[in-house]
Amino acid sequence: METVVLNSNSKADLKLITDIARKIGVSVKYLTDEEKEDLGLLNAINKGRTGEFVDTEDFIGKLSK
């Protein structure tokens, strides 16, 4: 299964694309604002993940500066 996310400022253009997708048997789902935020957060977490541990005291010390 493949997934595509489309973003458009034109509701008419997006409707046209989704109508065509449905016509050829591709399922369409509109994301809620909360779902879009969740995807953004997941992407940020995955990009920031290094597999290394951070010293808590050092981290908090840098935050308080």
PDB file of N, CA and C in Angstrom:
ATOM      1  N   MET A   1       0.849  -1.172   0.000  1.00  0.00           N
ATOM      2  CA  MET A   1       0.000   0.000   0.000  1.00  0.00           C
ATOM      3  C   MET A   1       0.893   1.233   0.000  1.00  0.00           C
ATOM      4  N   GLU A   2       0.555   2.191  -0.818  1.00  0.00           N
ATOM      5  CA  GLU A   2       1.272   3.458  -0.906  1.00  0.00           C
ATOM      6  C   GLU A   2       0.343   4.571  -0.455  1.00  0.00           C
ATOM      7  N   THR A   3       0.928   5.646   0.052  1.00  0.00           N
ATOM      8  CA  THR A   3       0.154   6.780   0.542  1.00  0.00           C
ATOM      9  C   THR A   3       0.699   8.056  -0.061  1.00  0.00           C
ATOM     10  N   VAL A   4      -0.210   8.942  -0.416  1.00  0.00           N
ATOM     11  CA  VAL A   4       0.154  10.249  -0.939  1.00  0.00           C
ATOM     12  C   VAL A   4      -0.613  11.291  -0.142  1.00  0.00           C
ATOM     13  N   VAL A   5       0.074  12.355   0.246  1.00  0.00           N
ATOM     14  CA  VAL A   5      -0.580  13.470   0.925  1.00  0.00           C
ATOM     15  C   VAL A   5      -0.552  14.653  -0.022  1.00  0.00           C
ATOM     16  N   LEU A   6      -1.705  15.214  -0.296  1.00  0.00           N
ATOM     17  CA  LEU A   6      -1.817  16.366  -1.182  1.00  0.00           C
ATOM     18  C   LEU A   6      -2.266  17.572  -0.374  1.00  0.00           C
ATOM     19  N   ASN A   7      -1.734  18.722  -0.709  1.00  0.00           N
ATOM     20  CA  ASN A   7      -2.115  19.951  -0.031  1.00  0.00           C
ATOM     21  C   ASN A   7      -2.356  20.998  -1.102  1.00  0.00           C
ATOM     22  N   SER A   8      -3.495  21.685  -1.032  1.00  0.00           N
ATOM     23  CA  SER A   8      -3.831  22.672  -2.043  1.00  0.00           C
ATOM     24  C   SER A   8      -4.566  23.842  -1.412  1.00  0.00           C
ATOM     25  N   ASN A   9      -4.360  25.007  -1.980  1.00  0.00           N
ATOM     26  CA  ASN A   9      -5.114  26.183  -1.548  1.00  0.00           C
ATOM     27  C   ASN A   9      -6.458  26.264  -2.258  1.00  0.00           C
ATOM     28  N   SER A  10      -6.648  25.434  -3.253  1.00  0.00           N
ATOM     29  CA  SER A  10      -7.878  25.442  -4.038  1.00  0.00           C
ATOM     30  C   SER A  10      -8.730  24.222  -3.689  1.00  0.00           C
ATOM     31  N   LYS A  11      -9.873  24.467  -3.058  1.00  0.00           N
ATOM     32  CA  LYS A  11     -10.778  23.361  -2.734  1.00  0.00           C
ATOM     33  C   LYS A  11     -11.300  22.707  -4.002  1.00  0.00           C
ATOM     34  N   ALA A  12     -11.513  23.495  -5.042  1.00  0.00           N
ATOM     35  CA  ALA A  12     -12.030  22.952  -6.300  1.00  0.00           C
ATOM     36  C   ALA A  12     -11.023  21.992  -6.928  1.00  0.00           C
ATOM     37  N   ASP A  13      -9.750  22.374  -6.946  1.00  0.00           N
ATOM     38  CA  ASP A  13      -8.716  21.498  -7.513  1.00  0.00           C
ATOM     39  C   ASP A  13      -8.583  20.215  -6.709  1.00  0.00           C
ATOM     40  N   LEU A  14      -8.611  20.336  -5.383  1.00  0.00           N
ATOM     41  CA  LEU A  14      -8.492  19.164  -4.525  1.00  0.00           C
ATOM     42  C   LEU A  14      -9.696  18.242  -4.707  1.00  0.00           C
ATOM     43  N   LYS A  15     -10.881  18.826  -4.848  1.00  0.00           N
ATOM     44  CA  LYS A  15     -12.079  18.015  -5.079  1.00  0.00           C
ATOM     45  C   LYS A  15     -11.962  17.273  -6.401  1.00  0.00           C
ATOM     46  N   LEU A  16     -11.459  17.937  -7.427  1.00  0.00           N
ATOM     47  CA  LEU A  16     -11.290  17.297  -8.727  1.00  0.00           C
ATOM     48  C   LEU A  16     -10.357  16.089  -8.615  1.00  0.00           C
ATOM     49  N   ILE A  17      -9.237  16.274  -7.926  1.00  0.00           N
ATOM     50  CA  ILE A  17      -8.269  15.184  -7.769  1.00  0.00           C
ATOM     51  C   ILE A  17      -8.875  14.029  -6.974  1.00  0.00           C
ATOM     52  N   THR A  18      -9.586  14.345  -5.906  1.00  0.00           N
ATOM     53  CA  THR A  18     -10.182  13.275  -5.089  1.00  0.00           C
ATOM     54  C   THR A  18     -11.307  12.571  -5.838  1.00  0.00           C
ATOM     55  N   ASP A  19     -12.063  13.309  -6.641  1.00  0.00           N
ATOM     56  CA  ASP A  19     -13.117  12.671  -7.449  1.00  0.00           C
ATOM     57  C   ASP A  19     -12.505  11.700  -8.451  1.00  0.00           C
ATOM     58  N   ILE A  20     -11.428  12.101  -9.092  1.00  0.00           N
ATOM     59  CA  ILE A  20     -10.748  11.220 -10.053  1.00  0.00           C
ATOM     60  C   ILE A  20     -10.197   9.987  -9.332  1.00  0.00           C
ATOM     61  N   ALA A  21      -9.591  10.204  -8.168  1.00  0.00           N
ATOM     62  CA  ALA A  21      -9.038   9.076  -7.403  1.00  0.00           C
ATOM     63  C   ALA A  21     -10.129   8.073  -7.069  1.00  0.00           C
ATOM     64  N   ARG A  22     -11.258   8.553  -6.590  1.00  0.00           N
ATOM     65  CA  ARG A  22     -12.364   7.649  -6.255  1.00  0.00           C
ATOM     66  C   ARG A  22     -12.865   6.915  -7.498  1.00  0.00           C
ATOM     67  N   LYS A  23     -12.930   7.620  -8.608  1.00  0.00           N
ATOM     68  CA  LYS A  23     -13.427   7.042  -9.860  1.00  0.00           C
ATOM     69  C   LYS A  23     -12.569   5.859 -10.306  1.00  0.00           C
ATOM     70  N   ILE A  24     -11.259   5.928 -10.049  1.00  0.00           N
ATOM     71  CA  ILE A  24     -10.374   4.829 -10.461  1.00  0.00           C
ATOM     72  C   ILE A  24     -10.127   3.819  -9.338  1.00  0.00           C
ATOM     73  N   GLY A  25     -10.871   3.968  -8.243  1.00  0.00           N
ATOM     74  CA  GLY A  25     -10.813   2.966  -7.177  1.00  0.00           C
ATOM     75  C   GLY A  25      -9.782   3.218  -6.094  1.00  0.00           C
ATOM     76  N   VAL A  26      -9.278   4.447  -6.012  1.00  0.00           N
ATOM     77  CA  VAL A  26      -8.317   4.800  -4.970  1.00  0.00           C
ATOM     78  C   VAL A  26      -9.093   5.395  -3.800  1.00  0.00           C
ATOM     79  N   SER A  27      -8.823   4.891  -2.593  1.00  0.00           N
ATOM     80  CA  SER A  27      -9.536   5.435  -1.427  1.00  0.00           C
ATOM     81  C   SER A  27      -8.973   6.813  -1.075  1.00  0.00           C
ATOM     82  N   VAL A  28      -9.845   7.662  -0.561  1.00  0.00           N
ATOM     83  CA  VAL A  28      -9.491   9.035  -0.221  1.00  0.00           C
ATOM     84  C   VAL A  28      -9.878   9.284   1.222  1.00  0.00           C
ATOM     85  N   LYS A  29      -8.998   9.935   1.964  1.00  0.00           N
ATOM     86  CA  LYS A  29      -9.304  10.308   3.342  1.00  0.00           C
ATOM     87  C   LYS A  29      -8.789  11.709   3.588  1.00  0.00           C
ATOM     88  N   TYR A  30      -9.650  12.569   4.064  1.00  0.00           N
ATOM     89  CA  TYR A  30      -9.236  13.910   4.456  1.00  0.00           C
ATOM     90  C   TYR A  30      -8.764  13.855   5.902  1.00  0.00           C
ATOM     91  N   LEU A  31      -7.621  14.457   6.189  1.00  0.00           N
ATOM     92  CA  LEU A  31      -7.076  14.464   7.540  1.00  0.00           C
ATOM     93  C   LEU A  31      -7.642  15.638   8.328  1.00  0.00           C
ATOM     94  N   THR A  32      -7.908  15.385   9.604  1.00  0.00           N
ATOM     95  CA  THR A  32      -8.324  16.465  10.494  1.00  0.00           C
ATOM     96  C   THR A  32      -7.088  17.271  10.883  1.00  0.00           C
ATOM     97  N   ASP A  33      -7.304  18.447  11.444  1.00  0.00           N
ATOM     98  CA  ASP A  33      -6.172  19.249  11.907  1.00  0.00           C
ATOM     99  C   ASP A  33      -5.350  18.490  12.943  1.00  0.00           C
ATOM    100  N   GLU A  34      -6.026  17.762  13.810  1.00  0.00           N
ATOM    101  CA  GLU A  34      -5.326  16.986  14.846  1.00  0.00           C
ATOM    102  C   GLU A  34      -4.460  15.889  14.218  1.00  0.00           C
ATOM    103  N   GLU A  35      -4.976  15.220  13.198  1.00  0.00           N
ATOM    104  CA  GLU A  35      -4.202  14.174  12.525  1.00  0.00           C
ATOM    105  C   GLU A  35      -2.980  14.774  11.817  1.00  0.00           C
ATOM    106  N   LYS A  36      -3.138  15.961  11.218  1.00  0.00           N
ATOM    107  CA  LYS A  36      -2.004  16.624  10.571  1.00  0.00           C
ATOM    108  C   LYS A  36      -0.943  16.997  11.602  1.00  0.00           C
ATOM    109  N   GLU A  37      -1.368  17.488  12.759  1.00  0.00           N
ATOM    110  CA  GLU A  37      -0.422  17.818  13.828  1.00  0.00           C
ATOM    111  C   GLU A  37       0.301  16.570  14.313  1.00  0.00           C
ATOM    112  N   ASP A  38      -0.432  15.480  14.467  1.00  0.00           N
ATOM    113  CA  ASP A  38       0.174  14.219  14.910  1.00  0.00           C
ATOM    114  C   ASP A  38       1.245  13.740  13.926  1.00  0.00           C
ATOM    115  N   LEU A  39       0.961  13.843  12.631  1.00  0.00           N
ATOM    116  CA  LEU A  39       1.949  13.442  11.623  1.00  0.00           C
ATOM    117  C   LEU A  39       3.180  14.333  11.675  1.00  0.00           C
ATOM    118  N   GLY A  40       2.978  15.632  11.874  1.00  0.00           N
ATOM    119  CA  GLY A  40       4.106  16.546  11.989  1.00  0.00           C
ATOM    120  C   GLY A  40       4.960  16.233  13.204  1.00  0.00           C
ATOM    121  N   LEU A  41       4.314  15.943  14.322  1.00  0.00           N
ATOM    122  CA  LEU A  41       5.036  15.592  15.544  1.00  0.00           C
ATOM    123  C   LEU A  41       5.797  14.280  15.366  1.00  0.00           C
ATOM    124  N   LEU A  42       5.161  13.298  14.755  1.00  0.00           N
ATOM    125  CA  LEU A  42       5.827  12.023  14.503  1.00  0.00           C
ATOM    126  C   LEU A  42       7.053  12.212  13.616  1.00  0.00           C
ATOM    127  N   ASN A  43       6.927  13.026  12.597  1.00  0.00           N
ATOM    128  CA  ASN A  43       8.048  13.303  11.709  1.00  0.00           C
ATOM    129  C   ASN A  43       9.188  13.978  12.470  1.00  0.00           C
ATOM    130  N   ALA A  44       8.871  14.944  13.318  1.00  0.00           N
ATOM    131  CA  ALA A  44       9.897  15.636  14.107  1.00  0.00           C
ATOM    132  C   ALA A  44      10.592  14.677  15.072  1.00  0.00           C
ATOM    133  N   ILE A  45       9.826  13.799  15.696  1.00  0.00           N
ATOM    134  CA  ILE A  45      10.401  12.821  16.631  1.00  0.00           C
ATOM    135  C   ILE A  45      11.356  11.895  15.886  1.00  0.00           C
ATOM    136  N   ASN A  46      10.922  11.398  14.730  1.00  0.00           N
ATOM    137  CA  ASN A  46      11.770  10.469  13.964  1.00  0.00           C
ATOM    138  C   ASN A  46      13.038  11.145  13.464  1.00  0.00           C
ATOM    139  N   LYS A  47      12.971  12.404  13.072  1.00  0.00           N
ATOM    140  CA  LYS A  47      14.165  13.116  12.617  1.00  0.00           C
ATOM    141  C   LYS A  47      15.125  13.379  13.776  1.00  0.00           C
ATOM    142  N   GLY A  48      14.588  13.603  14.966  1.00  0.00           N
ATOM    143  CA  GLY A  48      15.418  13.921  16.116  1.00  0.00           C
ATOM    144  C   GLY A  48      15.985  12.709  16.833  1.00  0.00           C
ATOM    145  N   ARG A  49      15.505  11.545  16.494  1.00  0.00           N
ATOM    146  CA  ARG A  49      15.935  10.311  17.153  1.00  0.00           C
ATOM    147  C   ARG A  49      17.331   9.928  16.690  1.00  0.00           C
ATOM    148  N   THR A  50      18.266   9.846  17.637  1.00  0.00           N
ATOM    149  CA  THR A  50      19.646   9.507  17.288  1.00  0.00           C
ATOM    150  C   THR A  50      20.068   8.151  17.847  1.00  0.00           C
ATOM    151  N   GLY A  51      19.335   7.647  18.824  1.00  0.00           N
ATOM    152  CA  GLY A  51      19.709   6.392  19.446  1.00  0.00           C
ATOM    153  C   GLY A  51      20.713   6.581  20.574  1.00  0.00           C
ATOM    154  N   GLU A  52      21.134   7.831  20.794  1.00  0.00           N
ATOM    155  CA  GLU A  52      22.074   8.121  21.864  1.00  0.00           C
ATOM    156  C   GLU A  52      21.324   8.651  23.079  1.00  0.00           C
ATOM    157  N   PHE A  53      21.876   8.377  24.254  1.00  0.00           N
ATOM    158  CA  PHE A  53      21.277   8.876  25.474  1.00  0.00           C
ATOM    159  C   PHE A  53      21.872  10.235  25.817  1.00  0.00           C
ATOM    160  N   VAL A  54      21.044  11.082  26.399  1.00  0.00           N
ATOM    161  CA  VAL A  54      21.468  12.429  26.774  1.00  0.00           C
ATOM    162  C   VAL A  54      21.549  12.503  28.291  1.00  0.00           C
ATOM    163  N   ASP A  55      22.606  13.125  28.786  1.00  0.00           N
ATOM    164  CA  ASP A  55      22.745  13.336  30.218  1.00  0.00           C
ATOM    165  C   ASP A  55      21.677  14.336  30.674  1.00  0.00           C
ATOM    166  N   THR A  56      20.803  13.915  31.582  1.00  0.00           N
ATOM    167  CA  THR A  56      19.663  14.736  32.011  1.00  0.00           C
ATOM    168  C   THR A  56      20.108  16.046  32.641  1.00  0.00           C
ATOM    169  N   GLU A  57      21.072  15.993  33.525  1.00  0.00           N
ATOM    170  CA  GLU A  57      21.521  17.213  34.202  1.00  0.00           C
ATOM    171  C   GLU A  57      22.135  18.198  33.209  1.00  0.00           C
ATOM    172  N   ASP A  58      22.916  17.706  32.274  1.00  0.00           N
ATOM    173  CA  ASP A  58      23.512  18.565  31.253  1.00  0.00           C
ATOM    174  C   ASP A  58      22.425  19.208  30.389  1.00  0.00           C
ATOM    175  N   PHE A  59      21.411  18.423  30.018  1.00  0.00           N
ATOM    176  CA  PHE A  59      20.322  18.922  29.201  1.00  0.00           C
ATOM    177  C   PHE A  59      19.546  20.015  29.916  1.00  0.00           C
ATOM    178  N   ILE A  60      19.199  19.782  31.184  1.00  0.00           N
ATOM    179  CA  ILE A  60      18.454  20.774  31.961  1.00  0.00           C
ATOM    180  C   ILE A  60      19.293  22.022  32.191  1.00  0.00           C
ATOM    181  N   GLY A  61      20.593  21.840  32.392  1.00  0.00           N
ATOM    182  CA  GLY A  61      21.484  22.985  32.553  1.00  0.00           C
ATOM    183  C   GLY A  61      21.509  23.860  31.314  1.00  0.00           C
ATOM    184  N   LYS A  62      21.508  23.239  30.134  1.00  0.00           N
ATOM    185  CA  LYS A  62      21.504  24.011  28.888  1.00  0.00           C
ATOM    186  C   LYS A  62      20.167  24.712  28.676  1.00  0.00           C
ATOM    187  N   LEU A  63      19.088  24.082  29.115  1.00  0.00           N
ATOM    188  CA  LEU A  63      17.772  24.718  28.998  1.00  0.00           C
ATOM    189  C   LEU A  63      17.636  25.960  29.864  1.00  0.00           C
ATOM    190  N   SER A  64      18.252  25.936  31.027  1.00  0.00           N
ATOM    191  CA  SER A  64      18.086  27.043  31.968  1.00  0.00           C
ATOM    192  C   SER A  64      18.998  28.220  31.661  1.00  0.00           C
ATOM    193  N   LYS A  65      19.891  28.087  30.692  1.00  0.00           N
ATOM    194  CA  LYS A  65      20.806  29.184  30.339  1.00  0.00           C
ATOM    195  C   LYS A  65      20.096  30.201  29.489  1.00  0.00           C
TER     196      LYS A  65
END
